[in-house]
Amino acid sequence: MSKPAIRYAFDNKPDTGATQCVADGIYWLRMPLPFSIDHINLWLLEDGDGWVVVDTGLGGKVTKAAWEQIFSGVMDGRPIHHVIVTHMHPDHAGCAGWLVRRFAVDLWMTHAEYLFCRILASDTGREAPREGFNFYKGAGFDEAALERYVKYFGFFGKMIEPLPESFRRVTADMRWSIGDHEWRAIIGRGHSVEHACLYSDRLNVLISGDQLLPSISPNVSVWPTEPEANPLRNWLESLAAMKTEVPGDVLVLPAHGKPFYGAHERLDQIIGEHTHRLNALRGALHKPHRAVDTFAHLYKAKITQDNLIMATGEAIAHLHYLLKEGSIGAEPDTDGVIWYKNN
């Protein structure tokens, strides 16, 4: 039997909406999510007479009510000094605008994440663009799937409290002094455009966001906004680079799942999983496939209407990786559907 890639740091986890101390001045806060992944981990960092918050939860009444309990509970009425958001997805950035307005503090995000979040939030109320319709038609969506895309276009903005009109930019290797500890920003790409992780050398703790999770690999997708992107290459390069940025015995504080040890082993495991998928595609593409035809070669889970968009985006990410390396070709048919085949 192979050795487990990771070791969980704690047997227990806090109840949803509750906290648990995980290291000197660091509290683990679990917030509810109405998705198949039913929680997100947020991190409260003691900062003198106040707090720094890393990630904020989904926008809306449920998360705000949970925050109100935290303000008077573990935070003991002490104010938030800064809000740091690892990336723009709604479970991370959803309540950021509400928190920074409530405490009159700065929002810290990377440049691309802040701007892309603002752009996607502005789609709410707009009709689905022709470019998006053609993108998913090209992937092989049938009429029902295309109608569902059109129906739910712009839903992103409904899960986000409006971001502030200004922000403070997070850049690679930027350092913060928070409480008694210094933290350094590590930037990753692939799952999102410019994802920030935070690492404390003194504590040997990594707040990894979605960039490194203990039991699932986050979605890596091509989206209609950049239809020729190659995010899987960015993702694999970021994972390899992280091994040079943090030691193997670092305590990883992920956005989903429990804190764990075994960062390097887990990074290798994720890289290996994607390498296996790429090899499976190479073996299958002796015959032409649309993006939606590749699911059986990539996923063990059943693909339904609820996860079709993300499954398709990730399938295209794997196809684009092979396309950009020159091992496969892509040809549209007369209906605009793209067929992929080995060269």
C-alpha atoms as a PDB file:
ATOM      1  CA  MET A   1       0.000   0.000   0.000  1.00  0.00           C
ATOM      2  CA  SER A   2       1.384   3.427  -0.963  1.00  0.00           C
ATOM      3  CA  LYS A   3       2.147   5.964   1.718  1.00  0.00           C
ATOM      4  CA  PRO A   4      -0.553   8.645   2.130  1.00  0.00           C
ATOM      5  CA  ALA A   5       0.495  11.882   0.458  1.00  0.00           C
ATOM      6  CA  ILE A   6      -0.654  14.073   3.345  1.00  0.00           C
ATOM      7  CA  ARG A   7      -1.263  14.073   7.084  1.00  0.00           C
ATOM      8  CA  TYR A   8      -4.071  16.128   8.583  1.00  0.00           C
ATOM      9  CA  ALA A   9      -2.968  18.493  11.340  1.00  0.00           C
ATOM     10  CA  PHE A  10      -6.182  18.236  13.371  1.00  0.00           C
ATOM     11  CA  ASP A  11      -8.638  15.446  14.022  1.00  0.00           C
ATOM     12  CA  ASN A  12     -11.497  17.863  14.518  1.00  0.00           C
ATOM     13  CA  LYS A  13     -12.793  20.837  12.597  1.00  0.00           C
ATOM     14  CA  PRO A  14     -14.810  23.819  13.822  1.00  0.00           C
ATOM     15  CA  ASP A  15     -18.542  23.825  13.319  1.00  0.00           C
ATOM     16  CA  THR A  16     -19.788  25.923  10.431  1.00  0.00           C
ATOM     17  CA  GLY A  17     -19.675  29.556  11.534  1.00  0.00           C
ATOM     18  CA  ALA A  18     -17.299  28.721  14.403  1.00  0.00           C
ATOM     19  CA  THR A  19     -13.526  29.046  14.834  1.00  0.00           C
ATOM     20  CA  GLN A  20     -10.520  27.045  15.980  1.00  0.00           C
ATOM     21  CA  CYS A  21      -6.988  28.265  16.768  1.00  0.00           C
ATOM     22  CA  VAL A  22      -4.498  26.519  14.453  1.00  0.00           C
ATOM     23  CA  ALA A  23      -1.252  28.419  15.144  1.00  0.00           C
ATOM     24  CA  ASP A  24      -0.032  31.453  17.051  1.00  0.00           C
ATOM     25  CA  GLY A  25      -2.533  34.219  16.275  1.00  0.00           C
ATOM     26  CA  ILE A  26      -4.319  32.289  13.492  1.00  0.00           C
ATOM     27  CA  TYR A  27      -7.954  31.212  13.710  1.00  0.00           C
ATOM     28  CA  TRP A  28      -9.724  28.851  11.326  1.00  0.00           C
ATOM     29  CA  LEU A  29     -13.264  29.975  10.459  1.00  0.00           C
ATOM     30  CA  ARG A  30     -15.591  27.687   8.487  1.00  0.00           C
ATOM     31  CA  MET A  31     -18.381  29.364   6.532  1.00  0.00           C
ATOM     32  CA  PRO A  32     -21.283  27.547   4.834  1.00  0.00           C
ATOM     33  CA  LEU A  33     -21.630  27.199   1.064  1.00  0.00           C
ATOM     34  CA  PRO A  34     -24.785  26.039  -0.777  1.00  0.00           C
ATOM     35  CA  PHE A  35     -22.794  23.859  -3.177  1.00  0.00           C
ATOM     36  CA  SER A  36     -21.495  20.294  -3.379  1.00  0.00           C
ATOM     37  CA  ILE A  37     -18.473  21.651  -1.504  1.00  0.00           C
ATOM     38  CA  ASP A  38     -20.452  22.816   1.516  1.00  0.00           C
ATOM     39  CA  HIS A  39     -17.911  25.035   3.266  1.00  0.00           C
ATOM     40  CA  ILE A  40     -15.052  27.455   2.813  1.00  0.00           C
ATOM     41  CA  ASN A  41     -12.230  28.046   5.269  1.00  0.00           C
ATOM     42  CA  LEU A  42     -11.468  31.668   6.098  1.00  0.00           C
ATOM     43  CA  TRP A  43      -8.542  32.798   8.225  1.00  0.00           C
ATOM     44  CA  LEU A  44      -8.465  35.389  11.007  1.00  0.00           C
ATOM     45  CA  LEU A  45      -5.001  36.737  11.821  1.00  0.00           C
ATOM     46  CA  GLU A  46      -4.509  38.632  15.077  1.00  0.00           C
ATOM     47  CA  ASP A  47      -3.014  42.055  14.400  1.00  0.00           C
ATOM     48  CA  GLY A  48      -2.409  43.931  17.639  1.00  0.00           C
ATOM     49  CA  ASP A  49      -5.686  45.502  18.689  1.00  0.00           C
ATOM     50  CA  GLY A  50      -7.496  44.144  15.632  1.00  0.00           C
ATOM     51  CA  TRP A  51      -7.585  41.520  12.912  1.00  0.00           C
ATOM     52  CA  VAL A  52      -6.627  40.822   9.332  1.00  0.00           C
ATOM     53  CA  VAL A  53      -9.132  38.668   7.423  1.00  0.00           C
ATOM     54  CA  VAL A  54      -8.017  36.351   4.610  1.00  0.00           C
ATOM     55  CA  ASP A  55     -10.973  35.523   2.329  1.00  0.00           C
ATOM     56  CA  THR A  56     -14.539  36.420   3.184  1.00  0.00           C
ATOM     57  CA  GLY A  57     -17.169  33.868   2.162  1.00  0.00           C
ATOM     58  CA  LEU A  58     -20.070  34.026  -0.259  1.00  0.00           C
ATOM     59  CA  GLY A  59     -22.065  37.238  -0.467  1.00  0.00           C
ATOM     60  CA  GLY A  60     -25.523  37.272   1.098  1.00  0.00           C
ATOM     61  CA  LYS A  61     -27.484  37.158   4.336  1.00  0.00           C
ATOM     62  CA  VAL A  62     -26.271  33.775   5.603  1.00  0.00           C
ATOM     63  CA  THR A  63     -22.595  34.719   5.521  1.00  0.00           C
ATOM     64  CA  LYS A  64     -23.237  38.182   6.938  1.00  0.00           C
ATOM     65  CA  ALA A  65     -25.165  36.709   9.865  1.00  0.00           C
ATOM     66  CA  ALA A  66     -22.284  34.336  10.574  1.00  0.00           C
ATOM     67  CA  TRP A  67     -19.836  37.234  10.456  1.00  0.00           C
ATOM     68  CA  GLU A  68     -21.942  39.187  12.964  1.00  0.00           C
ATOM     69  CA  GLN A  69     -21.543  36.327  15.432  1.00  0.00           C
ATOM     70  CA  ILE A  70     -17.795  36.244  14.808  1.00  0.00           C
ATOM     71  CA  PHE A  71     -17.465  39.993  15.421  1.00  0.00           C
ATOM     72  CA  SER A  72     -18.833  39.650  18.942  1.00  0.00           C
ATOM     73  CA  GLY A  73     -17.351  36.187  19.539  1.00  0.00           C
ATOM     74  CA  VAL A  74     -13.744  35.282  18.843  1.00  0.00           C
ATOM     75  CA  MET A  75     -12.979  38.753  17.462  1.00  0.00           C
ATOM     76  CA  ASP A  76     -14.108  40.205  20.795  1.00  0.00           C
ATOM     77  CA  GLY A  77     -15.318  43.449  19.266  1.00  0.00           C
ATOM     78  CA  ARG A  78     -11.862  44.297  17.907  1.00  0.00           C
ATOM     79  CA  PRO A  79     -11.929  45.828  14.410  1.00  0.00           C
ATOM     80  CA  ILE A  80     -10.749  44.434  11.112  1.00  0.00           C
ATOM     81  CA  HIS A  81      -7.601  46.254   9.945  1.00  0.00           C
ATOM     82  CA  HIS A  82      -7.317  44.785   6.435  1.00  0.00           C
ATOM     83  CA  VAL A  83      -9.157  42.360   4.166  1.00  0.00           C
ATOM     84  CA  ILE A  84      -6.994  40.146   1.934  1.00  0.00           C
ATOM     85  CA  VAL A  85      -8.680  38.106  -0.811  1.00  0.00           C
ATOM     86  CA  THR A  86      -6.744  35.274  -2.416  1.00  0.00           C
ATOM     87  CA  HIS A  87      -8.731  35.370  -5.653  1.00  0.00           C
ATOM     88  CA  MET A  88     -11.949  36.564  -7.198  1.00  0.00           C
ATOM     89  CA  HIS A  89     -14.252  33.540  -6.937  1.00  0.00           C
ATOM     90  CA  PRO A  90     -17.465  34.343  -5.045  1.00  0.00           C
ATOM     91  CA  ASP A  91     -16.817  32.052  -2.074  1.00  0.00           C
ATOM     92  CA  HIS A  92     -13.592  33.989  -1.454  1.00  0.00           C
ATOM     93  CA  ALA A  93     -14.480  37.547  -2.499  1.00  0.00           C
ATOM     94  CA  GLY A  94     -18.243  37.510  -1.936  1.00  0.00           C
ATOM     95  CA  CYS A  95     -18.366  39.473   1.328  1.00  0.00           C
ATOM     96  CA  ALA A  96     -15.185  41.498   0.798  1.00  0.00           C
ATOM     97  CA  GLY A  97     -16.963  44.685  -0.235  1.00  0.00           C
ATOM     98  CA  TRP A  98     -19.329  44.494   2.721  1.00  0.00           C
ATOM     99  CA  LEU A  99     -16.474  43.976   5.192  1.00  0.00           C
ATOM    100  CA  VAL A 100     -14.281  46.798   3.890  1.00  0.00           C
ATOM    101  CA  ARG A 101     -17.196  49.236   3.941  1.00  0.00           C
ATOM    102  CA  ARG A 102     -18.274  48.181   7.407  1.00  0.00           C
ATOM    103  CA  PHE A 103     -14.810  48.719   8.900  1.00  0.00           C
ATOM    104  CA  ALA A 104     -13.601  51.459   6.499  1.00  0.00           C
ATOM    105  CA  VAL A 105     -10.461  49.496   5.613  1.00  0.00           C
ATOM    106  CA  ASP A 106      -8.516  48.565   2.493  1.00  0.00           C
ATOM    107  CA  LEU A 107      -9.105  45.578   0.258  1.00  0.00           C
ATOM    108  CA  TRP A 108      -5.937  43.764  -0.795  1.00  0.00           C
ATOM    109  CA  MET A 109      -6.071  41.683  -4.001  1.00  0.00           C
ATOM    110  CA  THR A 110      -3.862  41.056  -6.991  1.00  0.00           C
ATOM    111  CA  HIS A 111      -4.475  43.395  -9.906  1.00  0.00           C
ATOM    112  CA  ALA A 112      -5.916  40.826 -12.302  1.00  0.00           C
ATOM    113  CA  GLU A 113      -8.189  39.252  -9.679  1.00  0.00           C
ATOM    114  CA  TYR A 114      -9.692  42.592  -8.649  1.00  0.00           C
ATOM    115  CA  LEU A 115     -10.330  43.753 -12.207  1.00  0.00           C
ATOM    116  CA  PHE A 116     -11.668  40.406 -13.432  1.00  0.00           C
ATOM    117  CA  CYS A 117     -14.012  40.214 -10.451  1.00  0.00           C
ATOM    118  CA  ARG A 118     -15.376  43.667 -11.273  1.00  0.00           C
ATOM    119  CA  ILE A 119     -15.858  42.676 -14.920  1.00  0.00           C
ATOM    120  CA  LEU A 120     -17.706  39.442 -14.149  1.00  0.00           C
ATOM    121  CA  ALA A 121     -19.909  41.113 -11.551  1.00  0.00           C
ATOM    122  CA  SER A 122     -20.916  43.704 -14.156  1.00  0.00           C
ATOM    123  CA  ASP A 123     -22.345  40.927 -16.367  1.00  0.00           C
ATOM    124  CA  THR A 124     -25.373  40.603 -14.074  1.00  0.00           C
ATOM    125  CA  GLY A 125     -28.444  41.817 -15.934  1.00  0.00           C
ATOM    126  CA  ARG A 126     -26.836  41.529 -19.367  1.00  0.00           C
ATOM    127  CA  GLU A 127     -27.816  39.065 -22.050  1.00  0.00           C
ATOM    128  CA  ALA A 128     -25.420  36.212 -22.685  1.00  0.00           C
ATOM    129  CA  PRO A 129     -22.941  37.304 -25.356  1.00  0.00           C
ATOM    130  CA  ARG A 130     -22.769  35.670 -28.752  1.00  0.00           C
ATOM    131  CA  GLU A 131     -19.105  34.832 -28.097  1.00  0.00           C
ATOM    132  CA  GLY A 132     -20.061  32.723 -25.086  1.00  0.00           C
ATOM    133  CA  PHE A 133     -22.869  30.977 -26.952  1.00  0.00           C
ATOM    134  CA  ASN A 134     -20.533  30.111 -29.827  1.00  0.00           C
ATOM    135  CA  PHE A 135     -17.814  28.941 -27.416  1.00  0.00           C
ATOM    136  CA  TYR A 136     -20.068  26.347 -25.791  1.00  0.00           C
ATOM    137  CA  LYS A 137     -21.664  25.392 -29.088  1.00  0.00           C
ATOM    138  CA  GLY A 138     -18.150  24.746 -30.356  1.00  0.00           C
ATOM    139  CA  ALA A 139     -17.519  22.509 -27.345  1.00  0.00           C
ATOM    140  CA  GLY A 140     -20.488  20.334 -28.327  1.00  0.00           C
ATOM    141  CA  PHE A 141     -23.344  21.645 -26.154  1.00  0.00           C
ATOM    142  CA  ASP A 142     -26.812  20.594 -27.252  1.00  0.00           C
ATOM    143  CA  GLU A 143     -29.728  23.045 -27.369  1.00  0.00           C
ATOM    144  CA  ALA A 144     -30.797  22.372 -23.774  1.00  0.00           C
ATOM    145  CA  ALA A 145     -27.291  23.033 -22.456  1.00  0.00           C
ATOM    146  CA  LEU A 146     -26.996  26.216 -24.507  1.00  0.00           C
ATOM    147  CA  GLU A 147     -30.340  27.446 -23.179  1.00  0.00           C
ATOM    148  CA  ARG A 148     -29.158  26.783 -19.623  1.00  0.00           C
ATOM    149  CA  TYR A 149     -25.960  28.770 -20.251  1.00  0.00           C
ATOM    150  CA  VAL A 150     -28.017  31.701 -21.528  1.00  0.00           C
ATOM    151  CA  LYS A 151     -30.438  31.475 -18.586  1.00  0.00           C
ATOM    152  CA  TYR A 152     -27.757  31.546 -15.897  1.00  0.00           C
ATOM    153  CA  PHE A 153     -25.349  33.965 -17.532  1.00  0.00           C
ATOM    154  CA  GLY A 154     -24.449  36.770 -15.127  1.00  0.00           C
ATOM    155  CA  PHE A 155     -25.189  34.770 -11.979  1.00  0.00           C
ATOM    156  CA  PHE A 156     -21.666  35.493 -10.691  1.00  0.00           C
ATOM    157  CA  GLY A 157     -22.613  39.031  -9.689  1.00  0.00           C
ATOM    158  CA  LYS A 158     -25.534  37.798  -7.576  1.00  0.00           C
ATOM    159  CA  MET A 159     -23.066  36.013  -5.277  1.00  0.00           C
ATOM    160  CA  ILE A 160     -20.789  39.032  -4.777  1.00  0.00           C
ATOM    161  CA  GLU A 161     -21.317  42.084  -2.605  1.00  0.00           C
ATOM    162  CA  PRO A 162     -20.116  45.053  -4.711  1.00  0.00           C
ATOM    163  CA  LEU A 163     -16.369  45.483  -4.448  1.00  0.00           C
ATOM    164  CA  PRO A 164     -14.993  48.866  -3.370  1.00  0.00           C
ATOM    165  CA  GLU A 165     -14.045  51.341  -6.079  1.00  0.00           C
ATOM    166  CA  SER A 166     -10.363  51.108  -5.125  1.00  0.00           C
ATOM    167  CA  PHE A 167      -8.017  48.446  -3.794  1.00  0.00           C
ATOM    168  CA  ARG A 168      -4.418  47.808  -2.699  1.00  0.00           C
ATOM    169  CA  ARG A 169      -2.424  45.671  -5.102  1.00  0.00           C
ATOM    170  CA  VAL A 170      -0.869  42.382  -3.997  1.00  0.00           C
ATOM    171  CA  THR A 171       2.271  41.426  -5.929  1.00  0.00           C
ATOM    172  CA  ALA A 172       4.648  38.460  -5.847  1.00  0.00           C
ATOM    173  CA  ASP A 173       6.926  38.500  -2.769  1.00  0.00           C
ATOM    174  CA  MET A 174       5.036  41.412  -1.186  1.00  0.00           C
ATOM    175  CA  ARG A 175       5.402  41.256   2.587  1.00  0.00           C
ATOM    176  CA  TRP A 176       3.037  42.200   5.395  1.00  0.00           C
ATOM    177  CA  SER A 177       3.744  42.511   9.107  1.00  0.00           C
ATOM    178  CA  ILE A 178       0.633  41.141  10.790  1.00  0.00           C
ATOM    179  CA  GLY A 179       0.770  40.900  14.559  1.00  0.00           C
ATOM    180  CA  ASP A 180       4.090  39.313  15.500  1.00  0.00           C
ATOM    181  CA  HIS A 181       4.641  37.652  12.138  1.00  0.00           C
ATOM    182  CA  GLU A 182       5.706  38.517   8.609  1.00  0.00           C
ATOM    183  CA  TRP A 183       3.814  37.090   5.660  1.00  0.00           C
ATOM    184  CA  ARG A 184       4.924  36.874   2.025  1.00  0.00           C
ATOM    185  CA  ALA A 185       2.703  36.677  -1.068  1.00  0.00           C
ATOM    186  CA  ILE A 186       3.158  33.752  -3.458  1.00  0.00           C
ATOM    187  CA  ILE A 187       1.334  34.080  -6.784  1.00  0.00           C
ATOM    188  CA  GLY A 188      -0.110  31.124  -8.680  1.00  0.00           C
ATOM    189  CA  ARG A 189      -2.056  30.834 -11.928  1.00  0.00           C
ATOM    190  CA  GLY A 190      -4.328  28.375 -13.652  1.00  0.00           C
ATOM    191  CA  HIS A 191      -7.258  27.943 -11.287  1.00  0.00           C
ATOM    192  CA  SER A 192      -7.645  31.702 -11.387  1.00  0.00           C
ATOM    193  CA  VAL A 193      -5.796  34.447 -13.193  1.00  0.00           C
ATOM    194  CA  GLU A 194      -3.482  35.720 -10.410  1.00  0.00           C
ATOM    195  CA  HIS A 195      -4.146  33.795  -7.208  1.00  0.00           C
ATOM    196  CA  ALA A 196      -2.357  34.963  -4.036  1.00  0.00           C
ATOM    197  CA  CYS A 197      -1.182  32.609  -1.277  1.00  0.00           C
ATOM    198  CA  LEU A 198       0.353  33.840   1.994  1.00  0.00           C
ATOM    199  CA  TYR A 199       3.398  32.237   3.594  1.00  0.00           C
ATOM    200  CA  SER A 200       4.939  32.905   7.016  1.00  0.00           C
ATOM    201  CA  ASP A 201       8.488  31.622   7.330  1.00  0.00           C
ATOM    202  CA  ARG A 202       8.551  32.089  11.107  1.00  0.00           C
ATOM    203  CA  LEU A 203       5.343  30.115  11.603  1.00  0.00           C
ATOM    204  CA  ASN A 204       6.027  27.784   8.659  1.00  0.00           C
ATOM    205  CA  VAL A 205       2.393  28.222   7.634  1.00  0.00           C
ATOM    206  CA  LEU A 206       0.952  28.569   4.118  1.00  0.00           C
ATOM    207  CA  ILE A 207      -2.525  30.021   3.564  1.00  0.00           C
ATOM    208  CA  SER A 208      -3.059  28.357   0.213  1.00  0.00           C
ATOM    209  CA  GLY A 209      -6.546  29.425  -0.873  1.00  0.00           C
ATOM    210  CA  ASP A 210      -7.594  27.106  -3.697  1.00  0.00           C
ATOM    211  CA  GLN A 211      -4.059  26.748  -5.039  1.00  0.00           C
ATOM    212  CA  LEU A 212      -3.318  23.703  -2.870  1.00  0.00           C
ATOM    213  CA  LEU A 213      -6.134  21.569  -1.441  1.00  0.00           C
ATOM    214  CA  PRO A 214      -5.835  18.277   0.452  1.00  0.00           C
ATOM    215  CA  SER A 215      -8.268  16.001  -1.363  1.00  0.00           C
ATOM    216  CA  ILE A 216      -9.580  17.664  -4.516  1.00  0.00           C
ATOM    217  CA  SER A 217      -7.936  19.466  -7.393  1.00  0.00           C
ATOM    218  CA  PRO A 218      -9.550  22.841  -8.101  1.00  0.00           C
ATOM    219  CA  ASN A 219     -11.132  23.529 -11.442  1.00  0.00           C
ATOM    220  CA  VAL A 220      -8.752  24.669 -14.184  1.00  0.00           C
ATOM    221  CA  SER A 221     -10.844  25.918 -17.079  1.00  0.00           C
ATOM    222  CA  VAL A 222     -10.831  27.795 -20.338  1.00  0.00           C
ATOM    223  CA  TRP A 223     -13.622  30.383 -20.395  1.00  0.00           C
ATOM    224  CA  PRO A 224     -15.310  32.282 -23.238  1.00  0.00           C
ATOM    225  CA  THR A 225     -13.575  35.507 -22.168  1.00  0.00           C
ATOM    226  CA  GLU A 226     -10.211  34.062 -23.297  1.00  0.00           C
ATOM    227  CA  PRO A 227     -11.102  31.160 -25.577  1.00  0.00           C
ATOM    228  CA  GLU A 228      -7.531  30.375 -26.680  1.00  0.00           C
ATOM    229  CA  ALA A 229      -6.028  30.311 -23.169  1.00  0.00           C
ATOM    230  CA  ASN A 230      -3.738  27.561 -21.887  1.00  0.00           C
ATOM    231  CA  PRO A 231      -4.457  27.646 -18.128  1.00  0.00           C
ATOM    232  CA  LEU A 232      -3.364  24.071 -17.479  1.00  0.00           C
ATOM    233  CA  ARG A 233       0.216  24.933 -18.430  1.00  0.00           C
ATOM    234  CA  ASN A 234       0.043  27.927 -16.066  1.00  0.00           C
ATOM    235  CA  TRP A 235      -1.372  25.655 -13.358  1.00  0.00           C
ATOM    236  CA  LEU A 236       1.268  22.950 -13.666  1.00  0.00           C
ATOM    237  CA  GLU A 237       4.065  25.523 -13.757  1.00  0.00           C
ATOM    238  CA  SER A 238       2.636  27.198 -10.638  1.00  0.00           C
ATOM    239  CA  LEU A 239       2.451  23.899  -8.758  1.00  0.00           C
ATOM    240  CA  ALA A 240       6.055  23.067  -9.630  1.00  0.00           C
ATOM    241  CA  ALA A 241       7.172  26.560  -8.599  1.00  0.00           C
ATOM    242  CA  MET A 242       5.419  26.303  -5.232  1.00  0.00           C
ATOM    243  CA  LYS A 243       7.713  23.419  -4.294  1.00  0.00           C
ATOM    244  CA  THR A 244      10.595  25.898  -4.454  1.00  0.00           C
ATOM    245  CA  GLU A 245       8.698  28.546  -2.463  1.00  0.00           C
ATOM    246  CA  VAL A 246       7.697  26.591   0.660  1.00  0.00           C
ATOM    247  CA  PRO A 247       9.360  23.761   2.630  1.00  0.00           C
ATOM    248  CA  GLY A 248       7.961  20.257   2.571  1.00  0.00           C
ATOM    249  CA  ASP A 249       6.962  20.358   6.253  1.00  0.00           C
ATOM    250  CA  VAL A 250       4.876  23.546   5.972  1.00  0.00           C
ATOM    251  CA  LEU A 251       1.440  23.571   7.620  1.00  0.00           C
ATOM    252  CA  VAL A 252      -1.024  24.175   4.783  1.00  0.00           C
ATOM    253  CA  LEU A 253      -4.225  26.082   5.560  1.00  0.00           C
ATOM    254  CA  PRO A 254      -6.468  25.386   2.546  1.00  0.00           C
ATOM    255  CA  ALA A 255      -9.733  27.002   1.496  1.00  0.00           C
ATOM    256  CA  HIS A 256     -11.538  23.647   1.521  1.00  0.00           C
ATOM    257  CA  GLY A 257     -10.862  20.570   3.624  1.00  0.00           C
ATOM    258  CA  LYS A 258      -8.721  20.398   6.760  1.00  0.00           C
ATOM    259  CA  PRO A 259      -5.250  21.854   7.422  1.00  0.00           C
ATOM    260  CA  PHE A 260      -2.552  19.375   6.503  1.00  0.00           C
ATOM    261  CA  TYR A 261       1.121  18.521   6.192  1.00  0.00           C
ATOM    262  CA  GLY A 262       2.708  17.020   3.095  1.00  0.00           C
ATOM    263  CA  ALA A 263       2.668  19.975   0.695  1.00  0.00           C
ATOM    264  CA  HIS A 264       5.345  18.667  -1.663  1.00  0.00           C
ATOM    265  CA  GLU A 265       3.791  15.213  -1.836  1.00  0.00           C
ATOM    266  CA  ARG A 266       0.379  16.702  -2.532  1.00  0.00           C
ATOM    267  CA  LEU A 267       1.786  18.995  -5.229  1.00  0.00           C
ATOM    268  CA  ASP A 268       3.409  15.998  -6.913  1.00  0.00           C
ATOM    269  CA  GLN A 269       0.151  14.065  -6.623  1.00  0.00           C
ATOM    270  CA  ILE A 270      -1.880  16.803  -8.332  1.00  0.00           C
ATOM    271  CA  ILE A 271       0.694  17.168 -11.108  1.00  0.00           C
ATOM    272  CA  GLY A 272       0.595  13.401 -11.565  1.00  0.00           C
ATOM    273  CA  GLU A 273      -3.196  13.361 -11.808  1.00  0.00           C
ATOM    274  CA  HIS A 274      -3.185  15.919 -14.615  1.00  0.00           C
ATOM    275  CA  THR A 275      -0.338  14.128 -16.376  1.00  0.00           C
ATOM    276  CA  HIS A 276      -2.420  10.939 -16.257  1.00  0.00           C
ATOM    277  CA  ARG A 277      -5.388  12.788 -17.754  1.00  0.00           C
ATOM    278  CA  LEU A 278      -3.259  14.198 -20.556  1.00  0.00           C
ATOM    279  CA  ASN A 279      -1.927  10.745 -21.363  1.00  0.00           C
ATOM    280  CA  ALA A 280      -5.476   9.358 -21.372  1.00  0.00           C
ATOM    281  CA  LEU A 281      -6.489  12.006 -23.888  1.00  0.00           C
ATOM    282  CA  ARG A 282      -3.497  11.274 -26.098  1.00  0.00           C
ATOM    283  CA  GLY A 283      -4.593   7.652 -26.147  1.00  0.00           C
ATOM    284  CA  ALA A 284      -8.211   8.487 -26.976  1.00  0.00           C
ATOM    285  CA  LEU A 285      -7.700  11.094 -29.668  1.00  0.00           C
ATOM    286  CA  HIS A 286      -6.787   8.667 -32.416  1.00  0.00           C
ATOM    287  CA  LYS A 287     -10.449   9.320 -33.205  1.00  0.00           C
ATOM    288  CA  PRO A 288     -11.954  12.832 -33.409  1.00  0.00           C
ATOM    289  CA  HIS A 289     -13.602  14.098 -30.206  1.00  0.00           C
ATOM    290  CA  ARG A 290     -15.523  17.206 -29.271  1.00  0.00           C
ATOM    291  CA  ALA A 291     -14.725  18.649 -25.845  1.00  0.00           C
ATOM    292  CA  VAL A 292     -17.877  17.066 -24.390  1.00  0.00           C
ATOM    293  CA  ASP A 293     -16.830  13.667 -25.745  1.00  0.00           C
ATOM    294  CA  THR A 294     -13.691  13.607 -23.592  1.00  0.00           C
ATOM    295  CA  PHE A 295     -15.384  13.489 -20.169  1.00  0.00           C
ATOM    296  CA  ALA A 296     -15.094   9.720 -19.782  1.00  0.00           C
ATOM    297  CA  HIS A 297     -11.318   9.996 -20.255  1.00  0.00           C
ATOM    298  CA  LEU A 298     -10.950  12.800 -17.686  1.00  0.00           C
ATOM    299  CA  TYR A 299     -13.463  12.367 -14.860  1.00  0.00           C
ATOM    300  CA  LYS A 300     -14.665   9.646 -12.546  1.00  0.00           C
ATOM    301  CA  ALA A 301     -17.616  11.734 -11.335  1.00  0.00           C
ATOM    302  CA  LYS A 302     -20.853  11.905 -13.299  1.00  0.00           C
ATOM    303  CA  ILE A 303     -21.227  15.064 -15.367  1.00  0.00           C
ATOM    304  CA  THR A 304     -24.648  16.666 -14.918  1.00  0.00           C
ATOM    305  CA  GLN A 305     -26.218  19.953 -15.931  1.00  0.00           C
ATOM    306  CA  ASP A 306     -24.952  21.406 -12.647  1.00  0.00           C
ATOM    307  CA  ASN A 307     -21.270  20.777 -13.332  1.00  0.00           C
ATOM    308  CA  LEU A 308     -21.298  20.759 -17.138  1.00  0.00           C
ATOM    309  CA  ILE A 309     -19.837  24.257 -17.553  1.00  0.00           C
ATOM    310  CA  MET A 310     -16.837  23.576 -15.316  1.00  0.00           C
ATOM    311  CA  ALA A 311     -16.308  20.084 -16.710  1.00  0.00           C
ATOM    312  CA  THR A 312     -16.304  21.481 -20.231  1.00  0.00           C
ATOM    313  CA  GLY A 313     -13.924  24.301 -19.358  1.00  0.00           C
ATOM    314  CA  GLU A 314     -11.476  21.886 -17.760  1.00  0.00           C
ATOM    315  CA  ALA A 315     -11.731  19.460 -20.674  1.00  0.00           C
ATOM    316  CA  ILE A 316     -10.865  22.299 -23.047  1.00  0.00           C
ATOM    317  CA  ALA A 317      -7.946  23.249 -20.781  1.00  0.00           C
ATOM    318  CA  HIS A 318      -6.490  19.758 -21.209  1.00  0.00           C
ATOM    319  CA  LEU A 319      -7.150  19.815 -24.948  1.00  0.00           C
ATOM    320  CA  HIS A 320      -5.491  23.224 -25.292  1.00  0.00           C
ATOM    321  CA  TYR A 321      -2.431  21.965 -23.425  1.00  0.00           C
ATOM    322  CA  LEU A 322      -2.042  19.208 -26.011  1.00  0.00           C
ATOM    323  CA  LEU A 323      -2.919  21.572 -28.847  1.00  0.00           C
ATOM    324  CA  LYS A 324      -0.289  24.143 -27.810  1.00  0.00           C
ATOM    325  CA  GLU A 325       2.402  21.465 -27.499  1.00  0.00           C
ATOM    326  CA  GLY A 326       1.573  20.335 -31.030  1.00  0.00           C
ATOM    327  CA  SER A 327       0.511  16.763 -30.320  1.00  0.00           C
ATOM    328  CA  ILE A 328      -3.102  17.221 -31.463  1.00  0.00           C
ATOM    329  CA  GLY A 329      -4.976  19.337 -33.974  1.00  0.00           C
ATOM    330  CA  ALA A 330      -8.380  21.052 -33.893  1.00  0.00           C
ATOM    331  CA  GLU A 331     -10.812  21.584 -36.767  1.00  0.00           C
ATOM    332  CA  PRO A 332     -14.283  23.200 -36.719  1.00  0.00           C
ATOM    333  CA  ASP A 333     -17.049  21.582 -38.729  1.00  0.00           C
ATOM    334  CA  THR A 334     -19.645  23.469 -40.761  1.00  0.00           C
ATOM    335  CA  ASP A 335     -21.745  24.054 -37.616  1.00  0.00           C
ATOM    336  CA  GLY A 336     -18.829  25.575 -35.721  1.00  0.00           C
ATOM    337  CA  VAL A 337     -18.291  22.516 -33.514  1.00  0.00           C
ATOM    338  CA  ILE A 338     -14.584  21.887 -32.852  1.00  0.00           C
ATOM    339  CA  TRP A 339     -13.181  18.386 -33.267  1.00  0.00           C
ATOM    340  CA  TYR A 340      -9.827  17.402 -31.749  1.00  0.00           C
ATOM    341  CA  LYS A 341      -7.604  14.602 -33.049  1.00  0.00           C
ATOM    342  CA  ASN A 342      -4.006  13.428 -32.736  1.00  0.00           C
ATOM    343  CA  ASN A 343      -1.620  14.799 -35.347  1.00  0.00           C
END
